[in-house]
N, C-alpha and C. Protein backbone atom coordinates (compact mmCIF):
# COMPACT_ATOMS: atom_id res chain seq x y z
N MET A 1 -12.26 10.72 17.64
CA MET A 1 -13.10 10.80 16.46
C MET A 1 -12.62 9.75 15.46
N ALA A 2 -13.53 8.93 14.97
CA ALA A 2 -13.22 7.89 14.00
C ALA A 2 -13.12 8.47 12.59
N LEU A 3 -12.22 7.93 11.81
CA LEU A 3 -12.10 8.35 10.42
C LEU A 3 -13.15 7.68 9.54
N LEU A 4 -13.59 6.49 9.95
CA LEU A 4 -14.62 5.77 9.22
C LEU A 4 -15.78 5.46 10.15
N LYS A 5 -16.98 5.44 9.60
CA LYS A 5 -18.13 4.99 10.36
C LYS A 5 -18.04 3.48 10.54
N ASN A 6 -18.69 2.94 11.56
CA ASN A 6 -18.74 1.49 11.72
C ASN A 6 -19.30 0.86 10.46
N GLY A 7 -18.62 -0.14 9.95
CA GLY A 7 -19.05 -0.79 8.72
C GLY A 7 -18.63 -0.05 7.47
N GLY A 8 -17.89 1.05 7.63
CA GLY A 8 -17.43 1.83 6.47
C GLY A 8 -16.33 1.12 5.71
N PHE A 9 -16.00 1.62 4.55
CA PHE A 9 -14.98 1.04 3.69
C PHE A 9 -13.84 2.02 3.47
N LEU A 10 -12.65 1.51 3.43
CA LEU A 10 -11.47 2.28 3.05
C LEU A 10 -11.04 1.75 1.69
N VAL A 11 -11.02 2.61 0.69
CA VAL A 11 -10.64 2.21 -0.66
C VAL A 11 -9.41 3.00 -1.06
N PHE A 12 -8.40 2.30 -1.55
CA PHE A 12 -7.17 2.97 -2.00
C PHE A 12 -6.54 2.15 -3.11
N SER A 13 -5.63 2.76 -3.79
CA SER A 13 -4.92 2.11 -4.88
C SER A 13 -3.42 2.33 -4.68
N THR A 14 -2.65 1.29 -4.89
CA THR A 14 -1.21 1.39 -4.73
C THR A 14 -0.53 0.39 -5.66
N PRO A 15 0.66 0.70 -6.14
CA PRO A 15 1.40 -0.29 -6.91
C PRO A 15 1.72 -1.51 -6.03
N ASN A 16 1.69 -2.68 -6.61
CA ASN A 16 2.00 -3.92 -5.89
C ASN A 16 3.46 -4.27 -6.11
N THR A 17 4.28 -4.10 -5.10
CA THR A 17 5.72 -4.35 -5.24
C THR A 17 6.05 -5.84 -5.29
N ASP A 18 5.07 -6.71 -5.12
CA ASP A 18 5.29 -8.16 -5.27
C ASP A 18 4.86 -8.66 -6.65
N SER A 19 4.49 -7.75 -7.54
CA SER A 19 3.97 -8.15 -8.85
C SER A 19 5.09 -8.57 -9.81
N PHE A 20 4.71 -9.24 -10.88
CA PHE A 20 5.64 -9.64 -11.93
C PHE A 20 6.31 -8.41 -12.55
N GLU A 21 5.51 -7.38 -12.76
CA GLU A 21 6.03 -6.13 -13.36
C GLU A 21 7.19 -5.59 -12.52
N TRP A 22 7.04 -5.56 -11.20
CA TRP A 22 8.10 -5.06 -10.33
C TRP A 22 9.31 -5.99 -10.33
N ALA A 23 9.05 -7.29 -10.41
CA ALA A 23 10.16 -8.25 -10.44
C ALA A 23 11.02 -8.04 -11.69
N VAL A 24 10.37 -7.75 -12.81
CA VAL A 24 11.09 -7.55 -14.07
C VAL A 24 11.80 -6.20 -14.09
N ALA A 25 11.11 -5.13 -13.70
CA ALA A 25 11.67 -3.78 -13.80
C ALA A 25 12.69 -3.48 -12.70
N GLY A 26 12.49 -4.05 -11.53
CA GLY A 26 13.42 -3.81 -10.42
C GLY A 26 13.56 -2.33 -10.11
N THR A 27 14.79 -1.89 -9.92
CA THR A 27 15.03 -0.49 -9.55
C THR A 27 14.80 0.47 -10.71
N ASN A 28 14.52 -0.04 -11.89
CA ASN A 28 14.22 0.81 -13.05
C ASN A 28 12.73 1.03 -13.23
N HIS A 29 11.92 0.56 -12.29
CA HIS A 29 10.46 0.72 -12.42
C HIS A 29 10.11 2.20 -12.46
N VAL A 30 9.20 2.56 -13.35
CA VAL A 30 8.82 3.95 -13.57
C VAL A 30 8.22 4.59 -12.32
N GLN A 31 7.59 3.81 -11.46
CA GLN A 31 6.93 4.40 -10.30
C GLN A 31 7.87 4.65 -9.13
N ILE A 32 9.14 4.36 -9.29
CA ILE A 32 10.11 4.67 -8.24
C ILE A 32 10.49 6.15 -8.27
N LEU A 33 10.24 6.80 -9.38
CA LEU A 33 10.62 8.20 -9.52
C LEU A 33 9.74 9.11 -8.67
N PRO A 34 10.33 9.81 -7.70
CA PRO A 34 9.55 10.77 -6.89
C PRO A 34 9.04 11.90 -7.78
N PRO A 35 7.95 12.51 -7.50
CA PRO A 35 7.09 12.31 -6.33
C PRO A 35 5.98 11.32 -6.58
N GLY A 36 6.10 10.46 -7.58
CA GLY A 36 5.02 9.53 -7.91
C GLY A 36 4.50 8.75 -6.73
N HIS A 37 5.38 8.11 -6.02
CA HIS A 37 4.98 7.34 -4.84
C HIS A 37 6.05 7.49 -3.78
N VAL A 38 5.66 7.98 -2.64
CA VAL A 38 6.59 8.13 -1.53
C VAL A 38 6.71 6.81 -0.78
N ASN A 39 5.59 6.09 -0.66
CA ASN A 39 5.57 4.79 0.00
C ASN A 39 5.07 3.75 -0.97
N LEU A 40 5.68 2.59 -0.95
CA LEU A 40 5.26 1.49 -1.81
C LEU A 40 4.84 0.32 -0.94
N PHE A 41 3.83 -0.41 -1.38
CA PHE A 41 3.26 -1.48 -0.57
C PHE A 41 3.11 -2.77 -1.36
N ASN A 42 2.97 -3.86 -0.62
CA ASN A 42 2.57 -5.15 -1.15
C ASN A 42 1.54 -5.71 -0.17
N LEU A 43 1.01 -6.88 -0.44
CA LEU A 43 -0.05 -7.41 0.41
C LEU A 43 0.40 -7.56 1.86
N ARG A 44 1.63 -8.00 2.07
CA ARG A 44 2.14 -8.18 3.43
C ARG A 44 2.21 -6.86 4.19
N SER A 45 2.70 -5.81 3.56
CA SER A 45 2.81 -4.52 4.25
C SER A 45 1.43 -3.87 4.46
N ILE A 46 0.50 -4.07 3.53
CA ILE A 46 -0.86 -3.54 3.71
C ILE A 46 -1.51 -4.22 4.90
N LYS A 47 -1.38 -5.53 4.99
CA LYS A 47 -1.95 -6.25 6.14
C LYS A 47 -1.34 -5.75 7.44
N TYR A 48 -0.05 -5.52 7.44
CA TYR A 48 0.62 -5.06 8.65
C TYR A 48 0.09 -3.69 9.08
N TYR A 49 0.06 -2.75 8.17
CA TYR A 49 -0.37 -1.39 8.53
C TYR A 49 -1.86 -1.28 8.81
N LEU A 50 -2.69 -1.94 8.02
CA LEU A 50 -4.12 -1.79 8.19
C LEU A 50 -4.71 -2.71 9.25
N ILE A 51 -4.22 -3.91 9.33
CA ILE A 51 -4.81 -4.87 10.27
C ILE A 51 -4.05 -4.89 11.58
N ASP A 52 -2.77 -5.11 11.54
CA ASP A 52 -2.00 -5.24 12.78
C ASP A 52 -1.90 -3.94 13.55
N LEU A 53 -1.75 -2.82 12.88
CA LEU A 53 -1.60 -1.55 13.59
C LEU A 53 -2.92 -0.81 13.80
N VAL A 54 -3.65 -0.55 12.74
CA VAL A 54 -4.84 0.28 12.82
C VAL A 54 -5.95 -0.38 13.64
N LEU A 55 -6.21 -1.64 13.40
CA LEU A 55 -7.33 -2.28 14.07
C LEU A 55 -7.05 -2.54 15.55
N LYS A 56 -5.81 -2.39 15.98
CA LYS A 56 -5.48 -2.56 17.39
C LYS A 56 -5.57 -1.25 18.15
N LEU A 57 -5.85 -0.16 17.48
CA LEU A 57 -5.95 1.14 18.16
C LEU A 57 -7.19 1.22 19.02
C-alpha cells in the first residue's frame, strides 16, 4: 500500500541544520532541547532519506 498517490506531494517542515542560525547558536540552539525535535535535517540528509532511500523502494 502506497502512502502517497502517484503524483502526490509530501509536505513537511524541519529546522535547517546548515543555516546561519545553527552555525551561530551551535549546541546552544533552542531546538536541540527534547522533545522539540528528535531528528534534525539539512538538505543533504533530506535528499538521502527521501530520494536515495524512499524512491528506491
